Amino acid sequence: MMRLLSRREMYGYELVEALSKETDGVLAMGQSTLYPMLYNLEAKGLIEAEWRSAESGRDRKYYALTGKGKKKLAEDSESWRALVGALESLGVLGPASVVAGNGGGGVPA
């Protein structure tokens, strides 16, 4: 979620759709899962929310990363890179070029 919000502000339904689309449905989640996650991130000061009226006239709550959220995302991204590197060194995952290019995720059968 935070990676999506690092690109631009989004409202809830937009986040659900983007997550599903960008992960080919692997990380699809319903709004009933999304909103508690967003409330938690907001309570921790990692994101902020603002109500705005859309062109349709409908009010939507837009979410954006805070400075604290950007820092946390950078830290977490580095941790994930280290984890992926460790899994690659154990042969659990193929090299990043294999993971990105083979459609099988680089995971051995």
Protein backbone atom coordinates (compact mmCIF):
# COMPACT_ATOMS: atom_id res chain seq x y z
CA MET A 1 0.00 0.00 0.00
CA MET A 2 2.72 2.41 0.96
CA ARG A 3 4.59 1.75 -2.29
CA LEU A 4 1.46 2.65 -4.27
CA LEU A 5 1.02 5.80 -2.21
CA SER A 6 4.65 6.76 -2.82
CA ARG A 7 3.68 7.31 -6.47
CA ARG A 8 0.70 9.59 -5.83
CA GLU A 9 -2.29 10.23 -3.59
CA MET A 10 -5.11 7.72 -4.01
CA TYR A 11 -8.53 7.01 -2.54
CA GLY A 12 -9.54 3.62 -1.13
CA TYR A 13 -11.21 1.98 -4.12
CA GLU A 14 -8.41 3.24 -6.36
CA LEU A 15 -5.86 1.56 -4.06
CA VAL A 16 -7.75 -1.75 -4.16
CA GLU A 17 -7.90 -1.66 -7.96
CA ALA A 18 -4.26 -0.64 -8.39
CA LEU A 19 -3.02 -3.34 -6.01
CA SER A 20 -4.98 -6.03 -7.81
CA LYS A 21 -3.98 -4.84 -11.27
CA GLU A 22 -0.28 -4.36 -10.55
CA THR A 23 0.06 -7.77 -8.89
CA ASP A 24 -2.11 -9.69 -11.38
CA GLY A 25 -4.56 -10.35 -8.55
CA VAL A 26 -2.02 -12.03 -6.27
CA LEU A 27 -2.33 -9.28 -3.66
CA ALA A 28 -6.00 -8.51 -4.27
CA MET A 29 -7.85 -7.41 -1.17
CA GLY A 30 -11.31 -6.21 -0.39
CA GLN A 31 -12.19 -2.88 1.05
CA SER A 32 -13.02 -4.55 4.37
CA THR A 33 -9.32 -5.44 4.65
CA LEU A 34 -8.01 -2.21 3.18
CA TYR A 35 -9.63 0.32 5.49
CA PRO A 36 -8.40 -1.15 8.80
CA MET A 37 -4.91 -1.20 7.26
CA LEU A 38 -5.21 2.44 6.20
CA TYR A 39 -6.53 3.47 9.62
CA ASN A 40 -3.58 1.70 11.25
CA LEU A 41 -1.05 3.42 8.96
CA GLU A 42 -2.73 6.75 9.64
CA ALA A 43 -2.66 6.17 13.42
CA LYS A 44 1.08 5.50 13.18
CA GLY A 45 1.61 8.76 11.28
CA LEU A 46 2.80 6.98 8.14
CA ILE A 47 -0.01 8.26 5.92
CA GLU A 48 -2.43 11.16 6.09
CA ALA A 49 -5.95 11.43 4.75
CA GLU A 50 -7.94 14.29 3.30
CA TRP A 51 -11.58 14.40 2.20
CA ARG A 52 -12.13 15.96 -1.23
CA SER A 53 -14.99 16.26 -3.65
CA ALA A 54 -14.40 14.45 -6.93
CA GLU A 55 -15.52 15.86 -10.28
CA SER A 56 -18.59 13.64 -9.94
CA GLY A 57 -19.47 15.55 -6.78
CA ARG A 58 -18.85 12.51 -4.60
CA ASP A 59 -16.66 12.96 -1.53
CA ARG A 60 -13.60 10.72 -1.42
CA LYS A 61 -10.92 10.28 1.19
CA TYR A 62 -7.49 10.57 -0.41
CA TYR A 63 -4.45 9.05 1.26
CA ALA A 64 -0.84 10.19 0.95
CA LEU A 65 2.47 9.23 2.53
CA THR A 66 3.86 11.49 5.22
CA GLY A 67 7.57 12.22 5.62
CA LYS A 68 7.64 9.55 8.33
CA GLY A 69 5.91 7.14 5.93
CA LYS A 70 8.46 7.80 3.18
CA LYS A 71 11.29 7.07 5.61
CA LYS A 72 9.61 3.86 6.82
CA LEU A 73 9.01 2.74 3.24
CA ALA A 74 12.69 3.26 2.41
CA GLU A 75 13.74 1.26 5.49
CA ASP A 76 11.28 -1.55 4.79
CA SER A 77 12.29 -1.69 1.11
CA GLU A 78 15.91 -2.17 2.13
CA SER A 79 14.90 -4.97 4.52
CA TRP A 80 12.96 -6.71 1.73
CA ARG A 81 15.94 -6.40 -0.63
CA ALA A 82 18.15 -8.01 2.02
CA LEU A 83 15.62 -10.83 2.52
CA VAL A 84 15.36 -11.48 -1.22
CA GLY A 85 19.17 -11.50 -1.46
CA ALA A 86 19.38 -14.06 1.35
CA LEU A 87 16.75 -16.27 -0.31
CA GLU A 88 18.61 -16.04 -3.61
CA SER A 89 21.87 -17.07 -1.93
CA LEU A 90 20.09 -20.14 -0.53
CA GLY A 91 18.68 -21.01 -3.95
CA VAL A 92 15.10 -20.53 -2.81
CA LEU A 93 14.66 -17.74 -5.36
CA GLY A 94 16.42 -17.31 -8.66
CA PRO A 95 18.40 -14.15 -9.40
CA ALA A 96 16.27 -11.03 -9.81
CA SER A 97 16.63 -11.18 -13.61
CA VAL A 98 15.17 -14.70 -13.57
CA VAL A 99 12.37 -13.75 -11.18
CA ALA A 100 11.31 -10.87 -13.39
CA GLY A 101 11.58 -12.68 -16.66
CA ASN A 102 10.39 -16.26 -16.41
CA GLY A 103 6.78 -15.89 -15.35
CA GLY A 104 7.33 -18.66 -12.82
CA GLY A 105 8.65 -16.31 -10.19
CA GLY A 106 12.05 -18.00 -10.13
CA VAL A 107 10.86 -20.45 -7.53
CA PRO A 108 12.18 -23.97 -8.10
CA ALA A 109 9.65 -26.71 -8.67
